[in-house]
């Protein structure tokens, strides 16, 4: 778990650095203004979307995670 968390932190920092390196110097603020909220939206709606898809797929045939016996 510690290695996974360290890898996630390293990946997040590298992605942020690449976004600065790829954006033109005159448009860094515009770039972050457009693409910055994407991470927040993904963190806000991603878990709910994953739960909705996990519970919805296969529900009529009894193969969803919600219908699996304990």
N, C-alpha and C. Protein backbone atom coordinates (compact mmCIF):
# COMPACT_ATOMS: atom_id res chain seq x y z
N UNK A 1 0.82 -1.17 0.00
CA UNK A 1 0.00 0.00 0.00
C UNK A 1 0.88 1.25 0.00
N UNK A 2 1.96 1.22 0.74
CA UNK A 2 2.86 2.37 0.80
C UNK A 2 3.51 2.59 -0.57
N UNK A 3 3.90 1.53 -1.23
CA UNK A 3 4.52 1.66 -2.55
C UNK A 3 3.51 2.20 -3.55
N UNK A 4 2.29 1.73 -3.49
CA UNK A 4 1.25 2.20 -4.40
C UNK A 4 0.98 3.69 -4.16
N UNK A 5 0.88 4.10 -2.91
CA UNK A 5 0.64 5.51 -2.60
C UNK A 5 1.79 6.37 -3.07
N UNK A 6 3.01 5.92 -2.86
CA UNK A 6 4.18 6.66 -3.36
C UNK A 6 4.17 6.78 -4.86
N UNK A 7 3.79 5.71 -5.54
CA UNK A 7 3.69 5.75 -7.00
C UNK A 7 2.62 6.72 -7.48
N UNK A 8 1.49 6.76 -6.79
CA UNK A 8 0.43 7.70 -7.16
C UNK A 8 0.89 9.14 -6.98
N UNK A 9 1.57 9.42 -5.88
CA UNK A 9 2.07 10.77 -5.66
C UNK A 9 3.10 11.16 -6.71
N UNK A 10 3.97 10.23 -7.05
CA UNK A 10 4.99 10.49 -8.06
C UNK A 10 4.33 10.73 -9.42
N UNK A 11 3.34 9.95 -9.75
CA UNK A 11 2.63 10.10 -11.02
C UNK A 11 1.91 11.45 -11.07
N UNK A 12 1.27 11.85 -9.99
CA UNK A 12 0.56 13.13 -9.97
C UNK A 12 1.53 14.30 -10.14
N UNK A 13 2.67 14.23 -9.47
CA UNK A 13 3.65 15.31 -9.60
C UNK A 13 4.24 15.35 -11.00
N UNK A 14 4.50 14.20 -11.58
CA UNK A 14 5.05 14.16 -12.93
C UNK A 14 4.04 14.68 -13.94
N UNK A 15 2.79 14.33 -13.78
CA UNK A 15 1.76 14.82 -14.69
C UNK A 15 1.60 16.33 -14.62
N UNK A 16 1.71 16.88 -13.42
CA UNK A 16 1.62 18.33 -13.25
C UNK A 16 2.82 19.00 -13.91
N UNK A 17 4.01 18.41 -13.76
CA UNK A 17 5.21 18.97 -14.37
C UNK A 17 5.14 18.90 -15.89
N UNK A 18 4.64 17.82 -16.43
CA UNK A 18 4.51 17.69 -17.89
C UNK A 18 3.51 18.71 -18.42
N UNK A 19 2.45 18.97 -17.67
CA UNK A 19 1.48 19.96 -18.14
C UNK A 19 2.11 21.34 -18.23
N UNK A 20 2.99 21.67 -17.31
CA UNK A 20 3.70 22.96 -17.41
C UNK A 20 4.71 22.95 -18.55
N UNK A 21 5.38 21.83 -18.76
CA UNK A 21 6.41 21.77 -19.80
C UNK A 21 5.80 21.82 -21.20
N UNK A 22 4.63 21.25 -21.39
CA UNK A 22 4.03 21.20 -22.72
C UNK A 22 3.24 22.47 -23.07
N UNK A 23 2.80 23.20 -22.08
CA UNK A 23 2.03 24.42 -22.35
C UNK A 23 2.98 25.53 -22.79
N UNK A 24 2.59 26.32 -23.77
CA UNK A 24 3.43 27.46 -24.15
C UNK A 24 3.55 28.43 -22.98
N UNK A 25 4.70 29.09 -22.84
CA UNK A 25 4.90 29.98 -21.69
C UNK A 25 3.84 31.08 -21.57
N UNK A 26 3.34 31.57 -22.69
CA UNK A 26 2.36 32.64 -22.64
C UNK A 26 0.96 32.13 -22.29
N UNK A 27 0.74 30.82 -22.35
CA UNK A 27 -0.61 30.27 -22.16
C UNK A 27 -0.69 29.29 -21.00
N UNK A 28 0.27 29.34 -20.08
CA UNK A 28 0.24 28.39 -18.96
C UNK A 28 -1.00 28.58 -18.09
N UNK A 29 -1.35 29.81 -17.80
CA UNK A 29 -2.54 30.07 -16.99
C UNK A 29 -3.81 29.64 -17.68
N UNK A 30 -3.91 29.88 -18.97
CA UNK A 30 -5.09 29.44 -19.72
C UNK A 30 -5.18 27.93 -19.74
N UNK A 31 -4.04 27.28 -19.93
CA UNK A 31 -4.01 25.82 -19.97
C UNK A 31 -4.51 25.24 -18.64
N UNK A 32 -4.01 25.77 -17.53
CA UNK A 32 -4.43 25.26 -16.23
C UNK A 32 -5.87 25.62 -15.93
N UNK A 33 -6.34 26.76 -16.44
CA UNK A 33 -7.72 27.14 -16.24
C UNK A 33 -8.70 26.24 -16.95
N UNK A 34 -8.28 25.69 -18.09
CA UNK A 34 -9.15 24.82 -18.87
C UNK A 34 -9.04 23.37 -18.40
N UNK A 35 -7.81 22.89 -18.21
CA UNK A 35 -7.62 21.48 -17.90
C UNK A 35 -7.48 21.19 -16.40
N UNK A 36 -7.29 22.21 -15.58
CA UNK A 36 -7.15 22.00 -14.14
C UNK A 36 -8.38 21.43 -13.47
N UNK A 37 -9.57 21.93 -13.78
CA UNK A 37 -10.77 21.40 -13.12
C UNK A 37 -11.08 19.94 -13.49
N UNK A 38 -10.45 19.43 -14.52
CA UNK A 38 -10.71 18.04 -14.92
C UNK A 38 -10.39 17.05 -13.82
N UNK A 39 -9.28 17.27 -13.11
CA UNK A 39 -8.91 16.35 -12.02
C UNK A 39 -9.93 16.43 -10.89
N UNK A 40 -10.38 17.62 -10.57
CA UNK A 40 -11.38 17.77 -9.51
C UNK A 40 -12.70 17.13 -9.88
N UNK A 41 -13.11 17.32 -11.12
CA UNK A 41 -14.36 16.70 -11.57
C UNK A 41 -14.24 15.18 -11.60
N UNK A 42 -13.08 14.68 -12.02
CA UNK A 42 -12.88 13.23 -12.04
C UNK A 42 -12.93 12.65 -10.63
N UNK A 43 -12.34 13.36 -9.68
CA UNK A 43 -12.37 12.89 -8.30
C UNK A 43 -13.77 12.99 -7.69
N UNK A 44 -14.54 13.96 -8.15
CA UNK A 44 -15.88 14.14 -7.61
C UNK A 44 -16.88 13.14 -8.18
N UNK A 45 -16.83 12.94 -9.50
CA UNK A 45 -17.84 12.11 -10.15
C UNK A 45 -17.36 10.70 -10.49
N UNK A 46 -16.07 10.47 -10.47
CA UNK A 46 -15.52 9.16 -10.82
C UNK A 46 -16.02 8.02 -9.93
N UNK A 47 -15.93 8.16 -8.60
CA UNK A 47 -16.41 7.07 -7.74
C UNK A 47 -17.90 6.78 -7.93
N UNK A 48 -18.71 7.82 -8.06
CA UNK A 48 -20.14 7.59 -8.26
C UNK A 48 -20.41 6.89 -9.58
N UNK A 49 -19.69 7.28 -10.62
CA UNK A 49 -19.85 6.63 -11.92
C UNK A 49 -19.42 5.17 -11.85
N UNK A 50 -18.32 4.89 -11.18
CA UNK A 50 -17.86 3.51 -11.04
C UNK A 50 -18.86 2.66 -10.27
N UNK A 51 -19.42 3.20 -9.21
CA UNK A 51 -20.43 2.45 -8.44
C UNK A 51 -21.67 2.22 -9.29
N UNK A 52 -22.11 3.24 -10.00
CA UNK A 52 -23.30 3.10 -10.85
C UNK A 52 -23.09 2.04 -11.92
N UNK A 53 -21.93 2.06 -12.56
CA UNK A 53 -21.65 1.05 -13.59
C UNK A 53 -21.52 -0.35 -12.99
N UNK A 54 -20.88 -0.45 -11.83
CA UNK A 54 -20.69 -1.75 -11.20
C UNK A 54 -22.01 -2.37 -10.77
N UNK A 55 -22.91 -1.56 -10.24
CA UNK A 55 -24.18 -2.09 -9.78
C UNK A 55 -25.18 -2.28 -10.91
N UNK A 56 -25.03 -1.54 -11.99
CA UNK A 56 -25.99 -1.60 -13.07
C UNK A 56 -25.72 -2.70 -14.08
N UNK A 57 -24.48 -2.95 -14.38
CA UNK A 57 -24.16 -3.96 -15.40
C UNK A 57 -24.47 -5.36 -14.88
N UNK A 58 -25.20 -6.08 -15.62
CA UNK A 58 -25.48 -7.47 -15.26
C UNK A 58 -26.58 -7.65 -14.24
N UNK A 59 -27.23 -6.59 -13.83
CA UNK A 59 -28.27 -6.72 -12.80
C UNK A 59 -29.43 -7.60 -13.23
N UNK A 60 -29.91 -7.54 -14.50
CA UNK A 60 -31.03 -8.40 -14.87
C UNK A 60 -30.71 -9.90 -14.80
N UNK A 61 -29.47 -10.28 -15.03
CA UNK A 61 -29.13 -11.70 -15.02
C UNK A 61 -28.55 -12.15 -13.69
N UNK A 62 -28.41 -11.23 -12.75
CA UNK A 62 -27.89 -11.60 -11.44
C UNK A 62 -26.38 -11.72 -11.39
N UNK A 63 -25.69 -11.05 -12.30
CA UNK A 63 -24.23 -11.16 -12.31
C UNK A 63 -23.55 -9.89 -11.83
N UNK A 64 -24.29 -8.92 -11.33
CA UNK A 64 -23.65 -7.70 -10.84
C UNK A 64 -23.03 -7.96 -9.48
N UNK A 65 -22.18 -7.07 -9.07
CA UNK A 65 -21.53 -7.22 -7.77
C UNK A 65 -22.53 -7.15 -6.63
N UNK A 66 -23.60 -6.40 -6.81
CA UNK A 66 -24.58 -6.25 -5.76
C UNK A 66 -25.34 -7.55 -5.49
N UNK A 67 -25.46 -8.39 -6.51
CA UNK A 67 -26.26 -9.60 -6.34
C UNK A 67 -25.42 -10.83 -6.01
N UNK A 68 -24.11 -10.67 -5.86
CA UNK A 68 -23.25 -11.81 -5.52
C UNK A 68 -23.49 -12.20 -4.06
N UNK A 69 -23.52 -13.48 -3.79
CA UNK A 69 -23.72 -13.91 -2.40
C UNK A 69 -22.49 -13.60 -1.58
N UNK A 70 -22.65 -13.33 -0.30
CA UNK A 70 -21.50 -13.00 0.57
C UNK A 70 -20.57 -14.16 0.79
